[in-house]
Structure formats: C-alpha cells, structure tokens
Amino acid sequence: MKTERILFLIVLTVFAAVLSGCSKNAESTDNTEKIGGIAFSETVPLTYAECFSIDRYESGYSLIKTMNGEKYLLVPKDKDIPNELQSDIITLSYPIEDVYLVAANAMGHFAQLGKGESIKFSGKKASDWYIDYAREAIEDGKIFYAGKYREPDYEMLLENDCKLSIQSTMIEHSPEVKEKLIELGIPVFIDYSSYESHPLGRSEWIKLYGEMTGVPQLAESIFNEQLGEFESFDKADTDKSVAFFYINTAGQPVTRKPGDYITKMIELAGGENAFKTIGGEEIGRASCRERV
C-alpha cells in the first residue's frame, strides 16, 4: 500500500507539472510582446515557414513579426490602438485594404484567398503579370499601375489614399523610397518569403496574408490542402541533375544560392541541382529562425 501511494503521488506531481506547463504556454512565451493591457491568446503554429510569426491577442488583435525585427500590430477596424504601445510596433487597420503591392509573389496568395480587392495599386503593368487575376484587374481598372518599387507614383498613392505598401526585398536597395513612403504616412511591409529554404515555407506565407485580410481559417485550409498533396507525392531519387539559371538585365547568367527553395524543389522532385556548390552564401531556415 505504501508503494502504491508513493507511485500515485509521483504520477499526480508529474501530471500537475504538465498542466502547469501547458497553462503557461497558453498564456505567453518568452518572446511574447506586451500589447498594452490586452491579454495574449495564442501563437499561430507554422509547419515550414521560419521568416515570420503571428501572435494573437484578445479582442481580435494580432502581432506579426518578420525576420529583420519588424513588428506589425493588426488592429480590428472597430477597435482602438492600444495605449502604451512600443514605439517600434507599426499599426495596421485590418482587414487591410488599398494596398500598393510590389511583392509580385504575394498576389497569388491574395487571389487564392479571394481577397484581390484588397490590392488597389500594382508595381507591375498588366502586360508584366503572369497571374491572370492581376492582369485582368488592371485592364478592368480595378487595380492601378503605380510604378516600380524604385519609382513609385507618390502622387497617385496619396490622392487615392493608399494605406499600405507590400514590398519585396528589392526595396532594401532603394532605402530612400521606403523612407519617403513612411514619411508620407504609408506603412511599408517587406515580404521575406524568398528567404524560406523550403517551398512549403514560401507557401505558408498565405497564413500571414490570411491574417491580414481577415480570413485566417481559409488560409490554413488552403495550406493544409497543399501540404497533403506534398506528403502524398513520390519523392524517389531519379539520379538526374538539373541546371537552373536565368539571364539578368546585364546579360549575365545567374544561379540561385545553395539552400534556397529552388534547390529544395529540385531535390524534392528527385533530382540534384547542378549548381548547388556555387551561387554565394547559403541561405536557409536557420537564418530566419534566429531573427524572428
């Protein structure tokens, strides 16, 4: 009886510790930001993406953090900006609208989510789009061409009340443009999906845009469907190599950095990237994970 009692107490102690740990995780983590007096709710689980995170708070607030330390608080349209907000947090009213989209790959996510109407300005002309929705929307006058990332039409953006600019990492080569947009009161969000080393990491950015447009459940459903297709795919080695490169505007051949998503896609299809040992410093999930 004494032995059974001791075992019972051990099990009870372990069980209580597990419950305590779960309760702590539900409330907050070491990396959870303090958002005024709003209580933390949950962190959105990510399967492959490493270059962003989403923390949800009570009353519909969400905090998005990206790999270079940017923080964006999504504030429901019927809610106020929290008091005592940290100075480095950018506030965005959501669902977002009147967006100047320069990060072309993000358009596919908006189209899949049925939220193309959130985009009002494009960084590409109709003839340059490979996504049917974007090309047709510009031709129909639903989206306006507002100039490339390095030469935006500031006057058009201001006159038509642009509320957010979603840029690719190319904007980092034109910091004066980013500064000018911010000076004019247009927040800048940088899409770092190109830094994801796994193709599904790039795909999982649909969760971020689902959060921004107010359809997170749909975004998760779309991603899970794609994840299921990937898991059922035959990834047998084919013993074939693939040479992937492109010619830039200067006429020079360019290959991808080792460890990026193109190399990973070739490997997942059973091949080998012929240029995997060249192309510069390797990028990958660790570089994102350490910085989000």
C-alpha atoms as a PDB file:
ATOM      1  CA  MET A   1       0.000   0.000   0.000  1.00  0.00           C
ATOM      2  CA  LYS A   2       2.824   2.366   0.831  1.00  0.00           C
ATOM      3  CA  THR A   3       4.495   1.715  -2.554  1.00  0.00           C
ATOM      4  CA  GLU A   4       1.214   2.308  -4.404  1.00  0.00           C
ATOM      5  CA  ARG A   5       0.699   5.564  -2.510  1.00  0.00           C
ATOM      6  CA  ILE A   6       4.184   6.787  -3.459  1.00  0.00           C
ATOM      7  CA  LEU A   7       3.598   5.917  -7.140  1.00  0.00           C
ATOM      8  CA  PHE A   8       0.253   7.711  -7.051  1.00  0.00           C
ATOM      9  CA  LEU A   9       1.874  10.860  -5.636  1.00  0.00           C
ATOM     10  CA  ILE A  10       4.612  10.746  -8.298  1.00  0.00           C
ATOM     11  CA  VAL A  11       2.064  10.442 -11.119  1.00  0.00           C
ATOM     12  CA  LEU A  12      -0.033  13.232  -9.585  1.00  0.00           C
ATOM     13  CA  THR A  13       3.023  15.515  -9.324  1.00  0.00           C
ATOM     14  CA  VAL A  14       4.069  14.876 -12.934  1.00  0.00           C
ATOM     15  CA  PHE A  15       0.515  15.419 -14.159  1.00  0.00           C
ATOM     16  CA  ALA A  16       0.288  18.727 -12.287  1.00  0.00           C
ATOM     17  CA  ALA A  17       3.601  19.851 -13.753  1.00  0.00           C
ATOM     18  CA  VAL A  18       2.408  19.050 -17.279  1.00  0.00           C
ATOM     19  CA  LEU A  19      -0.798  21.004 -16.722  1.00  0.00           C
ATOM     20  CA  SER A  20       1.182  23.904 -15.331  1.00  0.00           C
ATOM     21  CA  GLY A  21       3.462  23.920 -18.358  1.00  0.00           C
ATOM     22  CA  CYS A  22       0.516  23.817 -20.750  1.00  0.00           C
ATOM     23  CA  SER A  23      -1.159  26.671 -18.908  1.00  0.00           C
ATOM     24  CA  LYS A  24       1.988  28.749 -19.108  1.00  0.00           C
ATOM     25  CA  ASN A  25       2.321  28.150 -22.860  1.00  0.00           C
ATOM     26  CA  ALA A  26      -1.296  29.145 -23.404  1.00  0.00           C
ATOM     27  CA  GLU A  27      -0.765  32.460 -21.660  1.00  0.00           C
ATOM     28  CA  SER A  28       2.514  33.641 -23.113  1.00  0.00           C
ATOM     29  CA  THR A  29       6.046  32.761 -24.143  1.00  0.00           C
ATOM     30  CA  ASP A  30       9.384  34.405 -23.501  1.00  0.00           C
ATOM     31  CA  ASN A  31       9.132  36.144 -26.886  1.00  0.00           C
ATOM     32  CA  THR A  32       5.578  37.404 -26.444  1.00  0.00           C
ATOM     33  CA  GLU A  33       5.260  41.165 -26.809  1.00  0.00           C
ATOM     34  CA  LYS A  34       3.293  43.179 -24.293  1.00  0.00           C
ATOM     35  CA  ILE A  35       0.426  44.891 -26.139  1.00  0.00           C
ATOM     36  CA  GLY A  36      -0.981  47.444 -23.717  1.00  0.00           C
ATOM     37  CA  GLY A  37      -3.436  45.740 -21.399  1.00  0.00           C
ATOM     38  CA  ILE A  38      -4.546  43.170 -23.994  1.00  0.00           C
ATOM     39  CA  ALA A  39      -4.071  39.550 -22.993  1.00  0.00           C
ATOM     40  CA  PHE A  40      -2.107  37.136 -25.172  1.00  0.00           C
ATOM     41  CA  SER A  41      -4.213  34.375 -26.728  1.00  0.00           C
ATOM     42  CA  GLU A  42      -2.127  32.061 -28.917  1.00  0.00           C
ATOM     43  CA  THR A  43       0.755  31.737 -31.358  1.00  0.00           C
ATOM     44  CA  VAL A  44      -0.184  30.548 -34.836  1.00  0.00           C
ATOM     45  CA  PRO A  45       1.587  27.204 -35.471  1.00  0.00           C
ATOM     46  CA  LEU A  46       3.817  27.134 -38.546  1.00  0.00           C
ATOM     47  CA  THR A  47       4.960  23.924 -40.209  1.00  0.00           C
ATOM     48  CA  TYR A  48       7.700  25.104 -42.585  1.00  0.00           C
ATOM     49  CA  ALA A  49       7.815  28.915 -42.594  1.00  0.00           C
ATOM     50  CA  GLU A  50      10.582  30.421 -40.466  1.00  0.00           C
ATOM     51  CA  CYS A  51      10.716  34.056 -41.573  1.00  0.00           C
ATOM     52  CA  PHE A  52       7.634  35.335 -39.764  1.00  0.00           C
ATOM     53  CA  SER A  53       5.497  34.665 -36.717  1.00  0.00           C
ATOM     54  CA  ILE A  54       1.950  35.540 -35.712  1.00  0.00           C
ATOM     55  CA  ASP A  55       0.806  36.065 -32.114  1.00  0.00           C
ATOM     56  CA  ARG A  56      -2.878  36.566 -31.450  1.00  0.00           C
ATOM     57  CA  TYR A  57      -4.349  38.574 -28.605  1.00  0.00           C
ATOM     58  CA  GLU A  58      -7.818  39.002 -27.200  1.00  0.00           C
ATOM     59  CA  SER A  59     -10.408  41.187 -28.975  1.00  0.00           C
ATOM     60  CA  GLY A  60      -9.052  40.293 -32.436  1.00  0.00           C
ATOM     61  CA  TYR A  61      -5.602  41.892 -32.310  1.00  0.00           C
ATOM     62  CA  SER A  62      -2.664  40.094 -33.974  1.00  0.00           C
ATOM     63  CA  LEU A  63       1.054  40.830 -33.943  1.00  0.00           C
ATOM     64  CA  ILE A  64       3.157  39.865 -36.961  1.00  0.00           C
ATOM     65  CA  LYS A  65       6.934  39.757 -36.632  1.00  0.00           C
ATOM     66  CA  THR A  66       9.332  39.272 -39.559  1.00  0.00           C
ATOM     67  CA  MET A  67      12.946  38.210 -39.830  1.00  0.00           C
ATOM     68  CA  ASN A  68      14.528  41.671 -39.669  1.00  0.00           C
ATOM     69  CA  GLY A  69      12.743  42.575 -36.469  1.00  0.00           C
ATOM     70  CA  GLU A  70       9.791  44.433 -37.953  1.00  0.00           C
ATOM     71  CA  LYS A  71       6.619  44.260 -35.869  1.00  0.00           C
ATOM     72  CA  TYR A  72       3.129  44.948 -37.188  1.00  0.00           C
ATOM     73  CA  LEU A  73       0.053  45.073 -34.994  1.00  0.00           C
ATOM     74  CA  LEU A  74      -3.198  44.289 -36.818  1.00  0.00           C
ATOM     75  CA  VAL A  75      -5.907  46.407 -35.244  1.00  0.00           C
ATOM     76  CA  PRO A  76      -9.556  45.499 -35.980  1.00  0.00           C
ATOM     77  CA  LYS A  77     -11.362  48.382 -37.685  1.00  0.00           C
ATOM     78  CA  ASP A  78     -13.819  48.658 -34.792  1.00  0.00           C
ATOM     79  CA  LYS A  79     -11.087  48.725 -32.133  1.00  0.00           C
ATOM     80  CA  ASP A  80      -8.701  51.396 -30.857  1.00  0.00           C
ATOM     81  CA  ILE A  81      -4.919  51.325 -30.995  1.00  0.00           C
ATOM     82  CA  PRO A  82      -3.792  50.042 -27.568  1.00  0.00           C
ATOM     83  CA  ASN A  83      -2.279  52.501 -25.110  1.00  0.00           C
ATOM     84  CA  GLU A  84       1.409  52.397 -24.192  1.00  0.00           C
ATOM     85  CA  LEU A  85       2.336  50.628 -27.425  1.00  0.00           C
ATOM     86  CA  GLN A  86       6.057  50.132 -28.031  1.00  0.00           C
ATOM     87  CA  SER A  87       7.484  52.694 -30.451  1.00  0.00           C
ATOM     88  CA  ASP A  88       8.866  50.061 -32.838  1.00  0.00           C
ATOM     89  CA  ILE A  89       5.454  48.478 -33.488  1.00  0.00           C
ATOM     90  CA  ILE A  90       3.701  49.582 -36.694  1.00  0.00           C
ATOM     91  CA  THR A  91      -0.098  49.534 -36.536  1.00  0.00           C
ATOM     92  CA  LEU A  92      -2.232  48.400 -39.473  1.00  0.00           C
ATOM     93  CA  SER A  93      -6.007  48.553 -39.631  1.00  0.00           C
ATOM     94  CA  TYR A  94      -7.388  45.226 -40.791  1.00  0.00           C
ATOM     95  CA  PRO A  95      -8.754  43.667 -42.840  1.00  0.00           C
ATOM     96  CA  ILE A  96      -6.174  45.578 -44.892  1.00  0.00           C
ATOM     97  CA  GLU A  97      -7.248  47.494 -47.993  1.00  0.00           C
ATOM     98  CA  ASP A  98      -5.986  49.988 -50.601  1.00  0.00           C
ATOM     99  CA  VAL A  99      -2.637  48.170 -50.824  1.00  0.00           C
ATOM    100  CA  TYR A 100       0.237  49.092 -53.158  1.00  0.00           C
ATOM    101  CA  LEU A 101       1.577  45.618 -53.985  1.00  0.00           C
ATOM    102  CA  VAL A 102       5.121  45.338 -55.302  1.00  0.00           C
ATOM    103  CA  ALA A 103       5.947  41.840 -53.972  1.00  0.00           C
ATOM    104  CA  ALA A 104       4.554  40.015 -57.004  1.00  0.00           C
ATOM    105  CA  ASN A 105       4.567  36.547 -55.430  1.00  0.00           C
ATOM    106  CA  ALA A 106       2.117  37.737 -52.765  1.00  0.00           C
ATOM    107  CA  MET A 107      -0.547  38.406 -55.420  1.00  0.00           C
ATOM    108  CA  GLY A 108      -1.044  34.655 -55.797  1.00  0.00           C
ATOM    109  CA  HIS A 109      -1.943  34.420 -52.103  1.00  0.00           C
ATOM    110  CA  PHE A 110      -4.429  37.291 -52.313  1.00  0.00           C
ATOM    111  CA  ALA A 111      -6.041  35.714 -55.382  1.00  0.00           C
ATOM    112  CA  GLN A 112      -6.298  32.288 -53.715  1.00  0.00           C
ATOM    113  CA  LEU A 113      -7.893  33.852 -50.663  1.00  0.00           C
ATOM    114  CA  GLY A 114     -10.440  35.686 -52.810  1.00  0.00           C
ATOM    115  CA  LYS A 115      -9.088  38.971 -51.454  1.00  0.00           C
ATOM    116  CA  GLY A 116      -7.742  40.529 -54.623  1.00  0.00           C
ATOM    117  CA  GLU A 117      -9.898  43.577 -53.959  1.00  0.00           C
ATOM    118  CA  SER A 118      -7.519  44.465 -51.115  1.00  0.00           C
ATOM    119  CA  ILE A 119      -4.973  45.410 -53.780  1.00  0.00           C
ATOM    120  CA  LYS A 120      -5.553  48.845 -55.293  1.00  0.00           C
ATOM    121  CA  PHE A 121      -2.117  49.602 -56.766  1.00  0.00           C
ATOM    122  CA  SER A 122       0.385  47.421 -58.589  1.00  0.00           C
ATOM    123  CA  GLY A 123       4.141  47.625 -59.045  1.00  0.00           C
ATOM    124  CA  LYS A 124       3.776  45.840 -62.405  1.00  0.00           C
ATOM    125  CA  LYS A 125       1.991  46.770 -65.585  1.00  0.00           C
ATOM    126  CA  ALA A 126      -0.779  44.490 -66.842  1.00  0.00           C
ATOM    127  CA  SER A 127       1.467  43.038 -69.565  1.00  0.00           C
ATOM    128  CA  ASP A 128       4.094  42.038 -66.981  1.00  0.00           C
ATOM    129  CA  TRP A 129       1.780  39.949 -64.807  1.00  0.00           C
ATOM    130  CA  TYR A 130       1.755  36.160 -65.075  1.00  0.00           C
ATOM    131  CA  ILE A 131      -1.210  35.924 -62.681  1.00  0.00           C
ATOM    132  CA  ASP A 132      -4.464  36.205 -64.597  1.00  0.00           C
ATOM    133  CA  TYR A 133      -6.360  37.955 -61.816  1.00  0.00           C
ATOM    134  CA  ALA A 134      -3.819  40.786 -61.570  1.00  0.00           C
ATOM    135  CA  ARG A 135      -3.575  41.338 -65.309  1.00  0.00           C
ATOM    136  CA  GLU A 136      -7.356  41.361 -65.776  1.00  0.00           C
ATOM    137  CA  ALA A 137      -7.917  43.628 -62.743  1.00  0.00           C
ATOM    138  CA  ILE A 138      -5.523  46.245 -64.152  1.00  0.00           C
ATOM    139  CA  GLU A 139      -7.130  46.023 -67.589  1.00  0.00           C
ATOM    140  CA  ASP A 140     -10.573  46.444 -65.979  1.00  0.00           C
ATOM    141  CA  GLY A 141      -9.466  49.463 -63.936  1.00  0.00           C
ATOM    142  CA  LYS A 142      -9.813  47.734 -60.565  1.00  0.00           C
ATOM    143  CA  ILE A 143      -6.079  47.970 -59.892  1.00  0.00           C
ATOM    144  CA  PHE A 144      -3.894  50.903 -60.952  1.00  0.00           C
ATOM    145  CA  TYR A 145      -0.279  50.712 -62.038  1.00  0.00           C
ATOM    146  CA  ALA A 146       1.601  52.947 -59.573  1.00  0.00           C
ATOM    147  CA  GLY A 147       5.174  52.488 -60.714  1.00  0.00           C
ATOM    148  CA  LYS A 148       8.001  50.091 -59.916  1.00  0.00           C
ATOM    149  CA  TYR A 149       9.442  49.730 -56.434  1.00  0.00           C
ATOM    150  CA  ARG A 150      12.231  52.227 -57.107  1.00  0.00           C
ATOM    151  CA  GLU A 151       9.986  54.818 -58.812  1.00  0.00           C
ATOM    152  CA  PRO A 152       6.506  54.765 -57.256  1.00  0.00           C
ATOM    153  CA  ASP A 153       3.921  57.347 -58.255  1.00  0.00           C
ATOM    154  CA  TYR A 154       3.708  59.051 -54.873  1.00  0.00           C
ATOM    155  CA  GLU A 155       1.064  61.483 -56.080  1.00  0.00           C
ATOM    156  CA  MET A 156      -1.245  58.669 -57.215  1.00  0.00           C
ATOM    157  CA  LEU A 157      -0.774  56.775 -53.951  1.00  0.00           C
ATOM    158  CA  LEU A 158      -1.587  59.845 -51.854  1.00  0.00           C
ATOM    159  CA  GLU A 159      -4.546  61.032 -53.919  1.00  0.00           C
ATOM    160  CA  ASN A 160      -6.119  57.567 -53.791  1.00  0.00           C
ATOM    161  CA  ASP A 161      -5.496  57.009 -50.061  1.00  0.00           C
ATOM    162  CA  CYS A 162      -3.010  54.131 -50.202  1.00  0.00           C
ATOM    163  CA  LYS A 163      -2.932  52.557 -46.737  1.00  0.00           C
ATOM    164  CA  LEU A 164      -0.095  50.018 -47.029  1.00  0.00           C
ATOM    165  CA  SER A 165       2.781  49.109 -49.331  1.00  0.00           C
ATOM    166  CA  ILE A 166       3.799  45.445 -49.521  1.00  0.00           C
ATOM    167  CA  GLN A 167       7.309  45.331 -50.909  1.00  0.00           C
ATOM    168  CA  SER A 168       9.758  42.610 -51.912  1.00  0.00           C
ATOM    169  CA  THR A 169      13.286  42.626 -50.500  1.00  0.00           C
ATOM    170  CA  MET A 170      14.338  44.709 -53.534  1.00  0.00           C
ATOM    171  CA  ILE A 171      13.163  47.784 -51.605  1.00  0.00           C
ATOM    172  CA  GLU A 172      16.262  47.366 -49.448  1.00  0.00           C
ATOM    173  CA  HIS A 173      18.280  48.518 -52.472  1.00  0.00           C
ATOM    174  CA  SER A 174      16.271  51.754 -52.529  1.00  0.00           C
ATOM    175  CA  PRO A 175      16.055  52.789 -48.867  1.00  0.00           C
ATOM    176  CA  GLU A 176      15.165  56.347 -49.858  1.00  0.00           C
ATOM    177  CA  VAL A 177      11.913  55.068 -51.391  1.00  0.00           C
ATOM    178  CA  LYS A 178      10.986  53.213 -48.219  1.00  0.00           C
ATOM    179  CA  GLU A 179      11.758  56.306 -46.144  1.00  0.00           C
ATOM    180  CA  LYS A 180       9.664  58.502 -48.437  1.00  0.00           C
ATOM    181  CA  LEU A 181       6.645  56.188 -48.283  1.00  0.00           C
ATOM    182  CA  ILE A 182       6.818  56.170 -44.485  1.00  0.00           C
ATOM    183  CA  GLU A 183       7.252  59.952 -44.448  1.00  0.00           C
ATOM    184  CA  LEU A 184       4.046  60.242 -46.491  1.00  0.00           C
ATOM    185  CA  GLY A 185       2.193  58.103 -43.959  1.00  0.00           C
ATOM    186  CA  ILE A 186       2.187  54.856 -45.966  1.00  0.00           C
ATOM    187  CA  PRO A 187       3.426  51.917 -43.855  1.00  0.00           C
ATOM    188  CA  VAL A 188       5.834  49.516 -45.570  1.00  0.00           C
ATOM    189  CA  PHE A 189       5.670  45.753 -45.101  1.00  0.00           C
ATOM    190  CA  ILE A 190       8.506  43.653 -46.564  1.00  0.00           C
ATOM    191  CA  ASP A 191       7.747  40.142 -47.820  1.00  0.00           C
ATOM    192  CA  TYR A 192      10.668  37.877 -46.893  1.00  0.00           C
ATOM    193  CA  SER A 193       9.157  34.698 -48.310  1.00  0.00           C
ATOM    194  CA  SER A 194      12.072  34.431 -50.767  1.00  0.00           C
ATOM    195  CA  TYR A 195      14.325  33.673 -47.786  1.00  0.00           C
ATOM    196  CA  GLU A 196      12.412  30.492 -46.969  1.00  0.00           C
ATOM    197  CA  SER A 197      14.539  27.499 -47.949  1.00  0.00           C
ATOM    198  CA  HIS A 198      11.626  25.081 -48.239  1.00  0.00           C
ATOM    199  CA  PRO A 199       8.999  25.579 -50.971  1.00  0.00           C
ATOM    200  CA  LEU A 200       6.224  24.984 -48.461  1.00  0.00           C
ATOM    201  CA  GLY A 201       7.754  27.686 -46.288  1.00  0.00           C
ATOM    202  CA  ARG A 202       7.018  30.139 -49.080  1.00  0.00           C
ATOM    203  CA  SER A 203       3.540  28.676 -49.492  1.00  0.00           C
ATOM    204  CA  GLU A 204       2.855  29.047 -45.775  1.00  0.00           C
ATOM    205  CA  TRP A 205       3.036  32.825 -46.122  1.00  0.00           C
ATOM    206  CA  ILE A 206      -0.594  32.520 -47.170  1.00  0.00           C
ATOM    207  CA  LYS A 207      -1.301  32.292 -43.428  1.00  0.00           C
ATOM    208  CA  LEU A 208       0.208  35.746 -42.943  1.00  0.00           C
ATOM    209  CA  TYR A 209      -1.889  37.277 -45.713  1.00  0.00           C
ATOM    210  CA  GLY A 210      -4.944  35.399 -44.481  1.00  0.00           C
ATOM    211  CA  GLU A 211      -4.386  37.048 -41.102  1.00  0.00           C
ATOM    212  CA  MET A 212      -4.046  40.466 -42.727  1.00  0.00           C
ATOM    213  CA  THR A 213      -7.211  40.086 -44.792  1.00  0.00           C
ATOM    214  CA  GLY A 214      -9.353  38.583 -42.027  1.00  0.00           C
ATOM    215  CA  VAL A 215      -9.650  35.018 -43.388  1.00  0.00           C
ATOM    216  CA  PRO A 216      -7.129  33.013 -41.323  1.00  0.00           C
ATOM    217  CA  GLN A 217      -9.210  29.819 -41.337  1.00  0.00           C
ATOM    218  CA  LEU A 218      -9.395  29.822 -45.134  1.00  0.00           C
ATOM    219  CA  ALA A 219      -5.650  30.402 -45.385  1.00  0.00           C
ATOM    220  CA  GLU A 220      -4.946  27.472 -43.073  1.00  0.00           C
ATOM    221  CA  SER A 221      -7.304  25.242 -45.063  1.00  0.00           C
ATOM    222  CA  ILE A 222      -5.611  26.128 -48.365  1.00  0.00           C
ATOM    223  CA  PHE A 223      -2.152  25.491 -46.931  1.00  0.00           C
ATOM    224  CA  ASN A 224      -3.175  22.170 -45.357  1.00  0.00           C
ATOM    225  CA  GLU A 225      -4.589  21.015 -48.686  1.00  0.00           C
ATOM    226  CA  GLN A 226      -1.281  21.771 -50.383  1.00  0.00           C
ATOM    227  CA  LEU A 227       0.604  20.112 -47.534  1.00  0.00           C
ATOM    228  CA  GLY A 228      -1.486  16.958 -48.013  1.00  0.00           C
ATOM    229  CA  GLU A 229      -0.660  16.875 -51.719  1.00  0.00           C
ATOM    230  CA  PHE A 230       3.029  17.273 -50.933  1.00  0.00           C
ATOM    231  CA  GLU A 231       3.030  14.461 -48.385  1.00  0.00           C
ATOM    232  CA  SER A 232       1.415  12.095 -50.899  1.00  0.00           C
ATOM    233  CA  PHE A 233       3.962  12.929 -53.612  1.00  0.00           C
ATOM    234  CA  ASP A 234       6.524  10.257 -54.589  1.00  0.00           C
ATOM    235  CA  LYS A 235       9.933  11.756 -53.739  1.00  0.00           C
ATOM    236  CA  ALA A 236      12.067   8.901 -55.092  1.00  0.00           C
ATOM    237  CA  ASP A 237      15.599   9.743 -56.268  1.00  0.00           C
ATOM    238  CA  THR A 238      15.808   9.922 -60.082  1.00  0.00           C
ATOM    239  CA  ASP A 239      19.625  10.249 -60.333  1.00  0.00           C
ATOM    240  CA  LYS A 240      19.100  13.229 -62.651  1.00  0.00           C
ATOM    241  CA  SER A 241      20.698  16.662 -62.322  1.00  0.00           C
ATOM    242  CA  VAL A 242      19.131  19.993 -63.273  1.00  0.00           C
ATOM    243  CA  ALA A 243      20.872  23.220 -64.294  1.00  0.00           C
ATOM    244  CA  PHE A 244      18.700  26.133 -63.158  1.00  0.00           C
ATOM    245  CA  PHE A 245      19.743  29.692 -64.024  1.00  0.00           C
ATOM    246  CA  TYR A 246      18.490  32.876 -65.663  1.00  0.00           C
ATOM    247  CA  ILE A 247      19.970  35.817 -67.588  1.00  0.00           C
ATOM    248  CA  ASN A 248      19.727  39.182 -65.846  1.00  0.00           C
ATOM    249  CA  THR A 249      19.253  42.584 -67.493  1.00  0.00           C
ATOM    250  CA  ALA A 250      23.036  42.959 -67.809  1.00  0.00           C
ATOM    251  CA  GLY A 251      23.201  39.758 -69.865  1.00  0.00           C
ATOM    252  CA  GLN A 252      24.871  37.769 -67.097  1.00  0.00           C
ATOM    253  CA  PRO A 253      23.870  34.229 -66.111  1.00  0.00           C
ATOM    254  CA  VAL A 254      22.642  33.992 -62.519  1.00  0.00           C
ATOM    255  CA  THR A 255      22.035  30.888 -60.443  1.00  0.00           C
ATOM    256  CA  ARG A 256      20.308  30.515 -57.106  1.00  0.00           C
ATOM    257  CA  LYS A 257      22.059  30.490 -53.756  1.00  0.00           C
ATOM    258  CA  PRO A 258      22.619  26.999 -52.369  1.00  0.00           C
ATOM    259  CA  GLY A 259      19.965  26.031 -49.846  1.00  0.00           C
ATOM    260  CA  ASP A 260      17.188  28.227 -51.273  1.00  0.00           C
ATOM    261  CA  TYR A 261      13.761  26.989 -52.311  1.00  0.00           C
ATOM    262  CA  ILE A 262      14.670  26.304 -55.968  1.00  0.00           C
ATOM    263  CA  THR A 263      17.393  23.856 -54.962  1.00  0.00           C
ATOM    264  CA  LYS A 264      14.979  22.286 -52.493  1.00  0.00           C
ATOM    265  CA  MET A 265      12.263  21.905 -55.131  1.00  0.00           C
ATOM    266  CA  ILE A 266      14.698  20.104 -57.433  1.00  0.00           C
ATOM    267  CA  GLU A 267      15.710  17.780 -54.602  1.00  0.00           C
ATOM    268  CA  LEU A 268      12.106  17.096 -53.613  1.00  0.00           C
ATOM    269  CA  ALA A 269      11.368  16.121 -57.220  1.00  0.00           C
ATOM    270  CA  GLY A 270      14.137  13.518 -57.031  1.00  0.00           C
ATOM    271  CA  GLY A 271      16.845  15.494 -58.816  1.00  0.00           C
ATOM    272  CA  GLU A 272      20.067  17.297 -57.972  1.00  0.00           C
ATOM    273  CA  ASN A 273      20.914  20.943 -58.586  1.00  0.00           C
ATOM    274  CA  ALA A 274      23.955  21.006 -60.856  1.00  0.00           C
ATOM    275  CA  PHE A 275      24.943  24.383 -59.399  1.00  0.00           C
ATOM    276  CA  LYS A 276      24.387  23.572 -55.740  1.00  0.00           C
ATOM    277  CA  THR A 277      28.030  24.283 -54.839  1.00  0.00           C
ATOM    278  CA  ILE A 278      28.090  27.763 -56.376  1.00  0.00           C
ATOM    279  CA  GLY A 279      25.986  30.888 -56.107  1.00  0.00           C
ATOM    280  CA  GLY A 280      27.191  32.524 -52.926  1.00  0.00           C
ATOM    281  CA  GLU A 281      26.482  32.169 -49.238  1.00  0.00           C
ATOM    282  CA  GLU A 282      23.868  29.599 -48.313  1.00  0.00           C
ATOM    283  CA  ILE A 283      20.568  30.850 -47.016  1.00  0.00           C
ATOM    284  CA  GLY A 284      18.090  28.803 -45.094  1.00  0.00           C
ATOM    285  CA  ARG A 285      15.638  28.342 -42.304  1.00  0.00           C
ATOM    286  CA  ALA A 286      18.157  28.920 -39.532  1.00  0.00           C
ATOM    287  CA  SER A 287      18.876  32.456 -40.749  1.00  0.00           C
ATOM    288  CA  CYS A 288      15.189  33.288 -40.419  1.00  0.00           C
ATOM    289  CA  ARG A 289      14.556  31.418 -37.189  1.00  0.00           C
ATOM    290  CA  GLU A 290      17.311  33.247 -35.355  1.00  0.00           C
ATOM    291  CA  ARG A 291      15.983  36.653 -36.389  1.00  0.00           C
ATOM    292  CA  VAL A 292      12.196  36.412 -35.972  1.00  0.00           C
END
